[in-house]
PDB file of N, CA and C in Angstrom:
ATOM      1  N   MET A   1       1.017  -1.245   0.067  1.00  0.00           N
ATOM      2  CA  MET A   1      -0.273   0.144   0.246  1.00  0.00           C
ATOM      3  C   MET A   1       0.879   1.436   0.199  1.00  0.00           C
ATOM      4  N   ALA A   2       0.695   2.077  -0.745  1.00  0.00           N
ATOM      5  CA  ALA A   2       1.522   3.164  -1.027  1.00  0.00           C
ATOM      6  C   ALA A   2       1.094   4.422  -0.174  1.00  0.00           C
ATOM      7  N   ARG A   3       2.081   4.810   0.632  1.00  0.00           N
ATOM      8  CA  ARG A   3       1.974   5.957   1.702  1.00  0.00           C
ATOM      9  C   ARG A   3       1.054   7.317   1.206  1.00  0.00           C
ATOM     10  N   HIS A   4       0.482   7.690   1.439  1.00  0.00           N
ATOM     11  CA  HIS A   4      -0.751   9.136   1.164  1.00  0.00           C
ATOM     12  C   HIS A   4       0.045  10.033   2.918  1.00  0.00           C
ATOM     13  N   THR A   5       0.390  11.494   1.926  1.00  0.00           N
ATOM     14  CA  THR A   5       0.274  11.912   2.875  1.00  0.00           C
ATOM     15  C   THR A   5      -1.105  13.314   3.282  1.00  0.00           C
ATOM     16  N   ILE A   6      -1.050  13.568   4.437  1.00  0.00           N
ATOM     17  CA  ILE A   6      -2.656  14.319   4.593  1.00  0.00           C
ATOM     18  C   ILE A   6      -2.216  15.753   5.316  1.00  0.00           C
ATOM     19  N   THR A   7      -2.178  16.489   4.539  1.00  0.00           N
ATOM     20  CA  THR A   7      -1.737  17.689   5.854  1.00  0.00           C
ATOM     21  C   THR A   7      -3.149  17.799   6.996  1.00  0.00           C
ATOM     22  N   GLU A   8      -2.770  18.510   8.061  1.00  0.00           N
ATOM     23  CA  GLU A   8      -3.929  17.931   9.416  1.00  0.00           C
ATOM     24  C   GLU A   8      -5.000  18.810   8.473  1.00  0.00           C
ATOM     25  N   SER A   9      -4.897  19.926   8.065  1.00  0.00           N
ATOM     26  CA  SER A   9      -6.471  20.473   7.231  1.00  0.00           C
ATOM     27  C   SER A   9      -7.122  19.659   6.247  1.00  0.00           C
ATOM     28  N   GLU A  10      -6.436  18.897   5.652  1.00  0.00           N
ATOM     29  CA  GLU A  10      -7.255  17.687   4.677  1.00  0.00           C
ATOM     30  C   GLU A  10      -7.793  17.040   5.320  1.00  0.00           C
ATOM     31  N   TYR A  11      -6.959  16.252   6.620  1.00  0.00           N
ATOM     32  CA  TYR A  11      -7.398  15.135   7.766  1.00  0.00           C
ATOM     33  C   TYR A  11      -8.258  15.421   8.445  1.00  0.00           C
ATOM     34  N   GLU A  12      -9.180  17.156   8.764  1.00  0.00           N
ATOM     35  CA  GLU A  12     -10.272  17.209   9.204  1.00  0.00           C
ATOM     36  C   GLU A  12     -11.370  17.347   8.321  1.00  0.00           C
ATOM     37  N   LEU A  13     -11.509  17.726   6.934  1.00  0.00           N
ATOM     38  CA  LEU A  13     -12.114  17.213   6.174  1.00  0.00           C
ATOM     39  C   LEU A  13     -12.109  15.656   6.276  1.00  0.00           C
ATOM     40  N   MET A  14     -11.436  14.872   6.007  1.00  0.00           N
ATOM     41  CA  MET A  14     -11.145  13.244   5.687  1.00  0.00           C
ATOM     42  C   MET A  14     -12.221  12.541   7.228  1.00  0.00           C
ATOM     43  N   LYS A  15     -11.981  13.304   8.007  1.00  0.00           N
ATOM     44  CA  LYS A  15     -12.867  12.648   9.582  1.00  0.00           C
ATOM     45  C   LYS A  15     -14.214  12.881   8.995  1.00  0.00           C
ATOM     46  N   ILE A  16     -14.270  13.900   8.320  1.00  0.00           N
ATOM     47  CA  ILE A  16     -15.758  14.365   7.720  1.00  0.00           C
ATOM     48  C   ILE A  16     -16.536  13.429   7.074  1.00  0.00           C
ATOM     49  N   ILE A  17     -15.287  13.494   5.574  1.00  0.00           N
ATOM     50  CA  ILE A  17     -15.995  12.161   4.514  1.00  0.00           C
ATOM     51  C   ILE A  17     -16.049  10.835   5.123  1.00  0.00           C
ATOM     52  N   TRP A  18     -15.076  10.607   5.542  1.00  0.00           N
ATOM     53  CA  TRP A  18     -15.199   8.898   6.042  1.00  0.00           C
ATOM     54  C   TRP A  18     -16.156   8.583   7.348  1.00  0.00           C
ATOM     55  N   LYS A  19     -16.672   9.672   8.132  1.00  0.00           N
ATOM     56  CA  LYS A  19     -18.107   9.262   8.597  1.00  0.00           C
ATOM     57  C   LYS A  19     -19.320   9.516   8.210  1.00  0.00           C
ATOM     58  N   ALA A  20     -19.321  10.121   6.794  1.00  0.00           N
ATOM     59  CA  ALA A  20     -20.630   9.998   6.456  1.00  0.00           C
ATOM     60  C   ALA A  20     -21.011   8.912   5.596  1.00  0.00           C
ATOM     61  N   GLU A  21     -22.156   8.405   5.669  1.00  0.00           N
ATOM     62  CA  GLU A  21     -22.995   7.132   5.405  1.00  0.00           C
ATOM     63  C   GLU A  21     -22.823   7.750   3.562  1.00  0.00           C
ATOM     64  N   ASN A  22     -23.001   8.577   3.157  1.00  0.00           N
ATOM     65  CA  ASN A  22     -22.875   8.797   1.403  1.00  0.00           C
ATOM     66  C   ASN A  22     -22.070  10.196   1.051  1.00  0.00           C
ATOM     67  N   PRO A  23     -21.517   9.462   0.130  1.00  0.00           N
ATOM     68  CA  PRO A  23     -21.015  11.054  -1.004  1.00  0.00           C
ATOM     69  C   PRO A  23     -21.635  12.471  -0.098  1.00  0.00           C
ATOM     70  N   MET A  24     -20.801  13.371  -0.065  1.00  0.00           N
ATOM     71  CA  MET A  24     -21.119  14.710   0.606  1.00  0.00           C
ATOM     72  C   MET A  24     -20.310  15.818  -0.578  1.00  0.00           C
ATOM     73  N   THR A  25     -21.574  16.703  -0.683  1.00  0.00           N
ATOM     74  CA  THR A  25     -21.267  18.043  -1.416  1.00  0.00           C
ATOM     75  C   THR A  25     -20.548  19.049  -0.465  1.00  0.00           C
ATOM     76  N   ILE A  26     -20.219  20.138  -0.849  1.00  0.00           N
ATOM     77  CA  ILE A  26     -19.208  21.116  -0.079  1.00  0.00           C
ATOM     78  C   ILE A  26     -20.068  21.418   0.504  1.00  0.00           C
ATOM     79  N   GLY A  27     -21.558  21.995   0.453  1.00  0.00           N
ATOM     80  CA  GLY A  27     -22.345  22.388   1.260  1.00  0.00           C
ATOM     81  C   GLY A  27     -22.415  21.656   2.635  1.00  0.00           C
ATOM     82  N   GLU A  28     -22.604  20.584   2.055  1.00  0.00           N
ATOM     83  CA  GLU A  28     -22.646  19.509   3.752  1.00  0.00           C
ATOM     84  C   GLU A  28     -21.319  19.780   4.440  1.00  0.00           C
ATOM     85  N   ILE A  29     -20.026  19.118   3.782  1.00  0.00           N
ATOM     86  CA  ILE A  29     -19.429  19.311   4.525  1.00  0.00           C
ATOM     87  C   ILE A  29     -18.978  20.905   5.601  1.00  0.00           C
ATOM     88  N   LEU A  30     -19.270  21.733   4.823  1.00  0.00           N
ATOM     89  CA  LEU A  30     -18.937  22.885   5.613  1.00  0.00           C
ATOM     90  C   LEU A  30     -20.066  23.259   6.836  1.00  0.00           C
ATOM     91  N   LYS A  31     -21.096  22.194   6.737  1.00  0.00           N
ATOM     92  CA  LYS A  31     -22.145  22.434   7.955  1.00  0.00           C
ATOM     93  C   LYS A  31     -21.458  21.530   8.859  1.00  0.00           C
ATOM     94  N   GLN A  32     -20.555  20.271   8.642  1.00  0.00           N
ATOM     95  CA  GLN A  32     -20.128  19.730   9.301  1.00  0.00           C
ATOM     96  C   GLN A  32     -18.722  20.548  10.399  1.00  0.00           C
ATOM     97  N   LEU A  33     -18.246  21.546   9.999  1.00  0.00           N
ATOM     98  CA  LEU A  33     -17.188  22.239   9.975  1.00  0.00           C
ATOM     99  C   LEU A  33     -17.707  23.320  11.270  1.00  0.00           C
ATOM    100  N   PRO A  34     -16.624  23.565  12.175  1.00  0.00           N
ATOM    101  CA  PRO A  34     -16.691  24.879  13.173  1.00  0.00           C
ATOM    102  C   PRO A  34     -17.073  25.545  12.291  1.00  0.00           C
ATOM    103  N   GLU A  35     -18.355  26.543  12.730  1.00  0.00           N
ATOM    104  CA  GLU A  35     -19.039  27.412  12.064  1.00  0.00           C
ATOM    105  C   GLU A  35     -17.666  28.855  11.905  1.00  0.00           C
ATOM    106  N   ASN A  36     -17.544  29.399  10.760  1.00  0.00           N
ATOM    107  CA  ASN A  36     -16.256  30.114  10.052  1.00  0.00           C
ATOM    108  C   ASN A  36     -15.238  29.407  10.177  1.00  0.00           C
ATOM    109  N   LYS A  37     -15.156  28.112   9.594  1.00  0.00           N
ATOM    110  CA  LYS A  37     -13.397  27.238  10.291  1.00  0.00           C
ATOM    111  C   LYS A  37     -13.045  27.903   8.820  1.00  0.00           C
ATOM    112  N   TRP A  38     -13.417  27.656   7.700  1.00  0.00           N
ATOM    113  CA  TRP A  38     -13.190  27.762   6.073  1.00  0.00           C
ATOM    114  C   TRP A  38     -13.911  28.547   5.604  1.00  0.00           C
ATOM    115  N   THR A  39     -13.624  29.247   4.697  1.00  0.00           N
ATOM    116  CA  THR A  39     -14.484  29.742   3.449  1.00  0.00           C
ATOM    117  C   THR A  39     -14.728  28.332   2.398  1.00  0.00           C
ATOM    118  N   ARG A  40     -16.243  28.534   1.636  1.00  0.00           N
ATOM    119  CA  ARG A  40     -16.377  27.701   0.665  1.00  0.00           C
ATOM    120  C   ARG A  40     -15.334  26.968  -0.393  1.00  0.00           C
ATOM    121  N   ASN A  41     -14.283  28.743  -0.560  1.00  0.00           N
ATOM    122  CA  ASN A  41     -12.982  28.462  -1.454  1.00  0.00           C
ATOM    123  C   ASN A  41     -11.942  27.649  -0.803  1.00  0.00           C
ATOM    124  N   THR A  42     -11.821  27.322   0.254  1.00  0.00           N
ATOM    125  CA  THR A  42     -10.661  26.879   0.914  1.00  0.00           C
ATOM    126  C   THR A  42     -11.317  25.187   0.869  1.00  0.00           C
ATOM    127  N   VAL A  43     -12.236  25.026   1.459  1.00  0.00           N
ATOM    128  CA  VAL A  43     -12.780  23.900   1.598  1.00  0.00           C
ATOM    129  C   VAL A  43     -12.706  22.859   0.090  1.00  0.00           C
ATOM    130  N   ALA A  44     -13.065  23.899  -0.748  1.00  0.00           N
ATOM    131  CA  ALA A  44     -12.931  23.457  -2.732  1.00  0.00           C
ATOM    132  C   ALA A  44     -11.503  22.750  -2.532  1.00  0.00           C
ATOM    133  N   SER A  45     -10.165  23.966  -2.369  1.00  0.00           N
ATOM    134  CA  SER A  45      -9.061  23.938  -2.881  1.00  0.00           C
ATOM    135  C   SER A  45      -8.641  22.516  -1.896  1.00  0.00           C
ATOM    136  N   LEU A  46      -8.823  22.523  -0.911  1.00  0.00           N
ATOM    137  CA  LEU A  46      -8.813  21.281  -0.346  1.00  0.00           C
ATOM    138  C   LEU A  46      -9.331  20.316  -0.927  1.00  0.00           C
ATOM    139  N   LEU A  47     -10.211  19.801  -1.306  1.00  0.00           N
ATOM    140  CA  LEU A  47     -10.889  18.663  -1.893  1.00  0.00           C
ATOM    141  C   LEU A  47     -10.327  18.752  -3.081  1.00  0.00           C
ATOM    142  N   VAL A  48      -9.880  19.439  -3.833  1.00  0.00           N
ATOM    143  CA  VAL A  48      -9.400  19.181  -5.037  1.00  0.00           C
ATOM    144  C   VAL A  48      -7.672  18.749  -4.688  1.00  0.00           C
ATOM    145  N   ARG A  49      -7.169  18.889  -3.697  1.00  0.00           N
ATOM    146  CA  ARG A  49      -5.736  18.356  -3.737  1.00  0.00           C
ATOM    147  C   ARG A  49      -6.080  17.633  -3.161  1.00  0.00           C
ATOM    148  N   LEU A  50      -7.174  16.794  -2.133  1.00  0.00           N
ATOM    149  CA  LEU A  50      -7.202  15.582  -2.008  1.00  0.00           C
ATOM    150  C   LEU A  50      -7.311  14.969  -2.904  1.00  0.00           C
ATOM    151  N   SER A  51      -8.635  15.221  -4.224  1.00  0.00           N
ATOM    152  CA  SER A  51      -8.884  14.118  -5.239  1.00  0.00           C
ATOM    153  C   SER A  51      -7.627  14.331  -6.147  1.00  0.00           C
ATOM    154  N   ASP A  52      -6.901  15.113  -6.260  1.00  0.00           N
ATOM    155  CA  ASP A  52      -5.628  14.864  -6.866  1.00  0.00           C
ATOM    156  C   ASP A  52      -4.095  13.926  -6.749  1.00  0.00           C
ATOM    157  N   LYS A  53      -4.561  13.858  -5.176  1.00  0.00           N
ATOM    158  CA  LYS A  53      -3.749  12.716  -4.125  1.00  0.00           C
ATOM    159  C   LYS A  53      -4.429  11.290  -4.147  1.00  0.00           C
ATOM    160  N   GLY A  54      -5.516  11.547  -4.601  1.00  0.00           N
ATOM    161  CA  GLY A  54      -6.177   9.941  -5.215  1.00  0.00           C
ATOM    162  C   GLY A  54      -6.952   9.296  -3.565  1.00  0.00           C
ATOM    163  N   ILE A  55      -6.892  10.440  -2.854  1.00  0.00           N
ATOM    164  CA  ILE A  55      -7.841  10.185  -1.730  1.00  0.00           C
ATOM    165  C   ILE A  55      -9.405  10.229  -1.533  1.00  0.00           C
ATOM    166  N   ILE A  56      -9.328  11.195  -2.155  1.00  0.00           N
ATOM    167  CA  ILE A  56     -10.991  11.084  -2.623  1.00  0.00           C
ATOM    168  C   ILE A  56     -11.435  11.438  -3.972  1.00  0.00           C
ATOM    169  N   ALA A  57     -12.892  11.337  -4.350  1.00  0.00           N
ATOM    170  CA  ALA A  57     -12.911  11.328  -5.670  1.00  0.00           C
ATOM    171  C   ALA A  57     -14.622  11.586  -5.506  1.00  0.00           C
ATOM    172  N   TYR A  58     -15.141  11.639  -6.766  1.00  0.00           N
ATOM    173  CA  TYR A  58     -16.022  12.490  -6.673  1.00  0.00           C
ATOM    174  C   TYR A  58     -17.338  11.972  -8.169  1.00  0.00           C
ATOM    175  N   ASN A  59     -18.517  12.185  -7.787  1.00  0.00           N
ATOM    176  CA  ASN A  59     -18.855  12.099  -9.050  1.00  0.00           C
ATOM    177  C   ASN A  59     -20.111  13.512  -8.959  1.00  0.00           C
ATOM    178  N   LYS A  60     -20.037  13.847 -10.599  1.00  0.00           N
ATOM    179  CA  LYS A  60     -21.095  15.378 -10.880  1.00  0.00           C
ATOM    180  C   LYS A  60     -22.065  15.004 -11.046  1.00  0.00           C
ATOM    181  N   GLU A  61     -23.271  15.991 -10.512  1.00  0.00           N
ATOM    182  CA  GLU A  61     -25.029  15.201 -10.831  1.00  0.00           C
ATOM    183  C   GLU A  61     -25.187  16.948 -10.938  1.00  0.00           C
ATOM    184  N   GLY A  62     -25.364  17.343 -11.903  1.00  0.00           N
ATOM    185  CA  GLY A  62     -25.915  18.395 -12.093  1.00  0.00           C
ATOM    186  C   GLY A  62     -24.408  19.442 -11.698  1.00  0.00           C
ATOM    187  N   LYS A  63     -25.023  20.687 -11.088  1.00  0.00           N
ATOM    188  CA  LYS A  63     -24.283  21.753 -10.636  1.00  0.00           C
ATOM    189  C   LYS A  63     -23.462  21.156  -9.235  1.00  0.00           C
ATOM    190  N   TYR A  64     -23.666  19.782  -8.692  1.00  0.00           N
ATOM    191  CA  TYR A  64     -22.949  19.131  -7.831  1.00  0.00           C
ATOM    192  C   TYR A  64     -21.825  18.331  -8.031  1.00  0.00           C
ATOM    193  N   HIS A  65     -20.662  18.609  -6.766  1.00  0.00           N
ATOM    194  CA  HIS A  65     -19.817  17.661  -6.776  1.00  0.00           C
ATOM    195  C   HIS A  65     -19.945  16.784  -5.449  1.00  0.00           C
ATOM    196  N   TYR A  66     -20.235  15.441  -5.749  1.00  0.00           N
ATOM    197  CA  TYR A  66     -20.647  14.336  -4.631  1.00  0.00           C
ATOM    198  C   TYR A  66     -19.412  13.658  -4.260  1.00  0.00           C
ATOM    199  N   TYR A  67     -18.544  14.390  -3.201  1.00  0.00           N
ATOM    200  CA  TYR A  67     -17.342  13.382  -2.902  1.00  0.00           C
ATOM    201  C   TYR A  67     -17.701  12.476  -1.810  1.00  0.00           C
ATOM    202  N   TYR A  68     -16.404  11.573  -2.044  1.00  0.00           N
ATOM    203  CA  TYR A  68     -16.390   9.908  -1.215  1.00  0.00           C
ATOM    204  C   TYR A  68     -14.784   9.677  -0.890  1.00  0.00           C
ATOM    205  N   SER A  69     -14.955   8.936  -0.415  1.00  0.00           N
ATOM    206  CA  SER A  69     -13.326   8.676   0.301  1.00  0.00           C
ATOM    207  C   SER A  69     -12.721   7.152  -1.025  1.00  0.00           C
ATOM    208  N   VAL A  70     -11.972   7.312  -1.467  1.00  0.00           N
ATOM    209  CA  VAL A  70     -11.340   6.423  -2.250  1.00  0.00           C
ATOM    210  C   VAL A  70      -9.968   5.442  -0.846  1.00  0.00           C
ATOM    211  N   LEU A  71      -9.507   6.278   0.081  1.00  0.00           N
ATOM    212  CA  LEU A  71      -8.677   5.401   0.669  1.00  0.00           C
ATOM    213  C   LEU A  71      -9.668   5.540   2.089  1.00  0.00           C
ATOM    214  N   GLN A  72      -9.645   4.165   2.604  1.00  0.00           N
ATOM    215  CA  GLN A  72     -10.512   4.058   3.696  1.00  0.00           C
ATOM    216  C   GLN A  72      -9.364   4.465   5.287  1.00  0.00           C
ATOM    217  N   GLU A  73     -10.328   4.803   6.178  1.00  0.00           N
ATOM    218  CA  GLU A  73      -9.978   5.398   7.391  1.00  0.00           C
ATOM    219  C   GLU A  73      -8.512   4.301   7.736  1.00  0.00           C
ATOM    220  N   GLN A  74      -8.948   3.199   8.120  1.00  0.00           N
ATOM    221  CA  GLN A  74      -8.263   1.993   8.465  1.00  0.00           C
ATOM    222  C   GLN A  74      -6.880   1.436   7.910  1.00  0.00           C
ATOM    223  N   ASP A  75      -6.983   2.088   6.254  1.00  0.00           N
ATOM    224  CA  ASP A  75      -5.342   1.571   5.898  1.00  0.00           C
ATOM    225  C   ASP A  75      -5.037   3.246   6.103  1.00  0.00           C
ATOM    226  N   TYR A  76      -5.285   4.783   6.312  1.00  0.00           N
ATOM    227  CA  TYR A  76      -4.438   5.788   6.400  1.00  0.00           C
ATOM    228  C   TYR A  76      -4.362   5.265   7.961  1.00  0.00           C
ATOM    229  N   SER A  77      -5.000   4.783   8.846  1.00  0.00           N
ATOM    230  CA  SER A  77      -4.155   4.950   9.779  1.00  0.00           C
ATOM    231  C   SER A  77      -3.588   3.886   9.913  1.00  0.00           C
ATOM    232  N   LEU A  78      -3.626   2.796   9.521  1.00  0.00           N
ATOM    233  CA  LEU A  78      -2.175   1.478   9.557  1.00  0.00           C
ATOM    234  C   LEU A  78      -1.071   2.487   8.699  1.00  0.00           C
ATOM    235  N   SER A  79      -1.262   3.217   7.752  1.00  0.00           N
ATOM    236  CA  SER A  79      -0.278   3.637   7.623  1.00  0.00           C
ATOM    237  C   SER A  79       0.522   4.226   8.167  1.00  0.00           C
ATOM    238  N   GLU A  80       0.053   5.713   8.973  1.00  0.00           N
ATOM    239  CA  GLU A  80       0.578   6.423   9.896  1.00  0.00           C
ATOM    240  C   GLU A  80       1.321   6.034  11.049  1.00  0.00           C
ATOM    241  N   THR A  81       0.584   4.806  11.227  1.00  0.00           N
ATOM    242  CA  THR A  81       1.104   3.670  12.227  1.00  0.00           C
ATOM    243  C   THR A  81       2.804   3.446  12.198  1.00  0.00           C
ATOM    244  N   LYS A  82       2.453   2.656  10.868  1.00  0.00           N
ATOM    245  CA  LYS A  82       3.551   1.890  10.860  1.00  0.00           C
ATOM    246  C   LYS A  82       5.160   3.085  10.056  1.00  0.00           C
ATOM    247  N   SER A  83       4.433   4.444   9.724  1.00  0.00           N
ATOM    248  CA  SER A  83       5.489   5.640   9.220  1.00  0.00           C
ATOM    249  C   SER A  83       6.114   5.860  10.501  1.00  0.00           C
ATOM    250  N   PHE A  84       4.975   6.005  11.591  1.00  0.00           N
ATOM    251  CA  PHE A  84       5.771   6.888  12.843  1.00  0.00           C
ATOM    252  C   PHE A  84       6.632   5.598  13.986  1.00  0.00           C
ATOM    253  N   LEU A  85       6.135   4.646  13.608  1.00  0.00           N
ATOM    254  CA  LEU A  85       6.773   3.579  14.181  1.00  0.00           C
ATOM    255  C   LEU A  85       8.253   3.325  13.165  1.00  0.00           C
ATOM    256  N   SER A  86       8.572   3.404  12.070  1.00  0.00           N
ATOM    257  CA  SER A  86       9.564   3.501  11.538  1.00  0.00           C
ATOM    258  C   SER A  86      10.536   4.486  11.989  1.00  0.00           C
ATOM    259  N   LYS A  87       9.969   5.473  11.763  1.00  0.00           N
ATOM    260  CA  LYS A  87      10.639   6.607  12.077  1.00  0.00           C
ATOM    261  C   LYS A  87      11.088   6.949  13.242  1.00  0.00           C
ATOM    262  N   MET A  88      10.574   6.629  14.817  1.00  0.00           N
ATOM    263  CA  MET A  88      10.314   7.221  15.858  1.00  0.00           C
ATOM    264  C   MET A  88      11.140   5.861  16.658  1.00  0.00           C
ATOM    265  N   PHE A  89      10.705   4.339  16.266  1.00  0.00           N
ATOM    266  CA  PHE A  89      11.352   3.295  16.586  1.00  0.00           C
ATOM    267  C   PHE A  89      11.866   2.327  16.461  1.00  0.00           C
ATOM    268  N   GLY A  90      12.723   2.728  14.852  1.00  0.00           N
ATOM    269  CA  GLY A  90      13.127   1.816  13.801  1.00  0.00           C
ATOM    270  C   GLY A  90      12.259   0.566  13.502  1.00  0.00           C
ATOM    271  N   GLY A  91      10.698   0.946  13.559  1.00  0.00           N
ATOM    272  CA  GLY A  91       9.658  -0.319  13.027  1.00  0.00           C
ATOM    273  C   GLY A  91       9.280  -1.545  13.945  1.00  0.00           C
ATOM    274  N   SER A  92       9.891  -0.820  15.304  1.00  0.00           N
ATOM    275  CA  SER A  92       9.573  -1.853  16.741  1.00  0.00           C
ATOM    276  C   SER A  92       8.277  -1.525  17.085  1.00  0.00           C
ATOM    277  N   VAL A  93       7.573  -2.468  17.557  1.00  0.00           N
ATOM    278  CA  VAL A  93       6.499  -1.979  18.367  1.00  0.00           C
ATOM    279  C   VAL A  93       6.997  -1.934  19.926  1.00  0.00           C
ATOM    280  N   LYS A  94       7.785  -3.253  19.913  1.00  0.00           N
ATOM    281  CA  LYS A  94       8.258  -3.471  21.423  1.00  0.00           C
ATOM    282  C   LYS A  94       9.534  -2.203  22.005  1.00  0.00           C
ATOM    283  N   ASN A  95       9.870  -1.760  20.646  1.00  0.00           N
ATOM    284  CA  ASN A  95      10.756  -0.751  21.312  1.00  0.00           C
ATOM    285  C   ASN A  95       9.696   0.409  22.256  1.00  0.00           C
ATOM    286  N   MET A  96       8.609   0.260  21.059  1.00  0.00           N
ATOM    287  CA  MET A  96       7.549   1.976  21.423  1.00  0.00           C
ATOM    288  C   MET A  96       6.939   1.429  22.773  1.00  0.00           C
ATOM    289  N   VAL A  97       6.487   0.271  23.090  1.00  0.00           N
ATOM    290  CA  VAL A  97       5.644   0.234  24.501  1.00  0.00           C
ATOM    291  C   VAL A  97       7.004   0.263  25.352  1.00  0.00           C
ATOM    292  N   ALA A  98       8.589  -0.503  25.157  1.00  0.00           N
ATOM    293  CA  ALA A  98       9.180  -0.410  26.538  1.00  0.00           C
ATOM    294  C   ALA A  98       9.353   1.444  26.617  1.00  0.00           C
ATOM    295  N   SER A  99       9.504   2.251  25.600  1.00  0.00           N
ATOM    296  CA  SER A  99       9.663   3.475  25.613  1.00  0.00           C
ATOM    297  C   SER A  99       8.665   4.030  26.785  1.00  0.00           C
ATOM    298  N   LEU A 100       7.260   3.838  26.249  1.00  0.00           N
ATOM    299  CA  LEU A 100       6.139   4.292  27.079  1.00  0.00           C
ATOM    300  C   LEU A 100       6.309   3.770  28.270  1.00  0.00           C
ATOM    301  N   TYR A 101       6.770   2.132  28.515  1.00  0.00           N
ATOM    302  CA  TYR A 101       6.501   2.206  29.898  1.00  0.00           C
ATOM    303  C   TYR A 101       7.582   3.086  30.931  1.00  0.00           C
ATOM    304  N   ALA A 102       8.642   2.493  30.345  1.00  0.00           N
ATOM    305  CA  ALA A 102       9.819   3.049  30.992  1.00  0.00           C
ATOM    306  C   ALA A 102       9.909   4.851  31.040  1.00  0.00           C
ATOM    307  N   ASN A 103       8.636   5.627  30.166  1.00  0.00           N
ATOM    308  CA  ASN A 103       8.203   6.843  30.619  1.00  0.00           C
ATOM    309  C   ASN A 103       7.142   7.203  31.570  1.00  0.00           C
ATOM    310  N   LYS A 104       6.739   5.821  32.581  1.00  0.00           N
ATOM    311  CA  LYS A 104       5.569   5.962  33.137  1.00  0.00           C
ATOM    312  C   LYS A 104       4.218   6.943  32.346  1.00  0.00           C
ATOM    313  N   ALA A 105       3.926   6.149  31.225  1.00  0.00           N
ATOM    314  CA  ALA A 105       3.450   6.936  29.969  1.00  0.00           C
ATOM    315  C   ALA A 105       1.848   5.611  30.202  1.00  0.00           C
ATOM    316  N   LEU A 106       2.258   4.467  30.665  1.00  0.00           N
ATOM    317  CA  LEU A 106       1.157   3.582  30.454  1.00  0.00           C
ATOM    318  C   LEU A 106       0.886   3.780  31.724  1.00  0.00           C
ATOM    319  N   SER A 107      -0.492   3.044  31.630  1.00  0.00           N
ATOM    320  CA  SER A 107      -1.200   3.119  33.429  1.00  0.00           C
ATOM    321  C   SER A 107      -1.294   1.520  33.568  1.00  0.00           C
ATOM    322  N   GLN A 108      -1.979   1.437  35.037  1.00  0.00           N
ATOM    323  CA  GLN A 108      -1.631  -0.113  34.502  1.00  0.00           C
ATOM    324  C   GLN A 108      -2.895  -0.935  33.900  1.00  0.00           C
ATOM    325  N   LYS A 109      -3.884  -0.055  33.812  1.00  0.00           N
ATOM    326  CA  LYS A 109      -5.096  -0.565  33.167  1.00  0.00           C
ATOM    327  C   LYS A 109      -4.699  -0.756  31.646  1.00  0.00           C
ATOM    328  N   ASP A 110      -3.551   0.480  31.099  1.00  0.00           N
ATOM    329  CA  ASP A 110      -2.961  -0.015  29.713  1.00  0.00           C
ATOM    330  C   ASP A 110      -2.246  -1.391  29.639  1.00  0.00           C
ATOM    331  N   ILE A 111      -1.511  -1.359  30.778  1.00  0.00           N
ATOM    332  CA  ILE A 111      -0.699  -2.528  30.702  1.00  0.00           C
ATOM    333  C   ILE A 111      -1.185  -3.818  31.341  1.00  0.00           C
ATOM    334  N   ASP A 112      -2.874  -3.927  31.738  1.00  0.00           N
ATOM    335  CA  ASP A 112      -3.440  -5.159  32.109  1.00  0.00           C
ATOM    336  C   ASP A 112      -4.215  -5.640  30.693  1.00  0.00           C
ATOM    337  N   GLU A 113      -4.628  -4.531  30.161  1.00  0.00           N
ATOM    338  CA  GLU A 113      -5.426  -4.583  28.721  1.00  0.00           C
ATOM    339  C   GLU A 113      -4.301  -5.448  27.661  1.00  0.00           C
ATOM    340  N   LEU A 114      -2.755  -4.781  27.607  1.00  0.00           N
ATOM    341  CA  LEU A 114      -2.156  -5.081  26.579  1.00  0.00           C
ATOM    342  C   LEU A 114      -2.084  -6.578  27.160  1.00  0.00           C
ATOM    343  N   ARG A 115      -1.721  -7.007  27.987  1.00  0.00           N
ATOM    344  CA  ARG A 115      -1.339  -8.417  28.500  1.00  0.00           C
ATOM    345  C   ARG A 115      -2.521  -8.831  28.136  1.00  0.00           C
ATOM    346  N   ASN A 116      -3.529  -8.833  28.572  1.00  0.00           N
ATOM    347  CA  ASN A 116      -4.870  -9.669  28.043  1.00  0.00           C
ATOM    348  C   ASN A 116      -4.825  -9.152  26.267  1.00  0.00           C
ATOM    349  N   LEU A 117      -4.699  -9.049  25.877  1.00  0.00           N
ATOM    350  CA  LEU A 117      -4.600  -9.018  24.523  1.00  0.00           C
ATOM    351  C   LEU A 117      -3.812  -9.885  23.920  1.00  0.00           C
ATOM    352  N   LEU A 118      -2.349  -9.858  24.279  1.00  0.00           N
ATOM    353  CA  LEU A 118      -1.013 -10.723  24.078  1.00  0.00           C
ATOM    354  C   LEU A 118      -1.521 -12.100  24.439  1.00  0.00           C
ATOM    355  N   ASP A 119      -2.010 -12.488  25.573  1.00  0.00           N
ATOM    356  CA  ASP A 119      -2.615 -13.521  25.936  1.00  0.00           C
ATOM    357  C   ASP A 119      -3.647 -14.476  25.525  1.00  0.00           C
ATOM    358  N   THR A 120      -4.471 -13.350  24.641  1.00  0.00           N
ATOM    359  CA  THR A 120      -5.603 -14.285  23.998  1.00  0.00           C
ATOM    360  C   THR A 120      -4.923 -14.475  22.825  1.00  0.00           C
ATOM    361  N   GLU A 121      -4.218 -13.911  22.506  1.00  0.00           N
ATOM    362  CA  GLU A 121      -3.386 -14.089  20.900  1.00  0.00           C
ATOM    363  C   GLU A 121      -2.371 -15.455  20.665  1.00  0.00           C
ATOM    364  N   LYS A 122      -2.641 -15.895  21.610  1.00  0.00           N
ATOM    365  CA  LYS A 122      -1.309 -16.941  21.648  1.00  0.00           C
ATOM    366  C   LYS A 122      -2.078 -18.548  20.934  1.00  0.00           C
TER     367      LYS A 122
END
């Protein structure tokens, strides 16, 4: 799977598109954003960029474009996770967990849940 780079602004739009059950118009997307977050032109520009990257596509019906995701949220999340692990921990989940543990970033509940998860995978 090729890695897709999404900016923070593009990611905000993608969260809306991923959550939607059906393709959305720019107007529908704007309604999901906080009031006065971006102008219609800004949202349109972000959608064009996402479309150019192959992350979304659209169907044109009359004067409206209906945008939908080509890249699934789970695929993007996995790609970003692998990239982060590679960059920060040499691709090792063990090294990441060890770092979190050593820095007391894991609660006892986290540790118990991880232990249960690993025990059920045997």
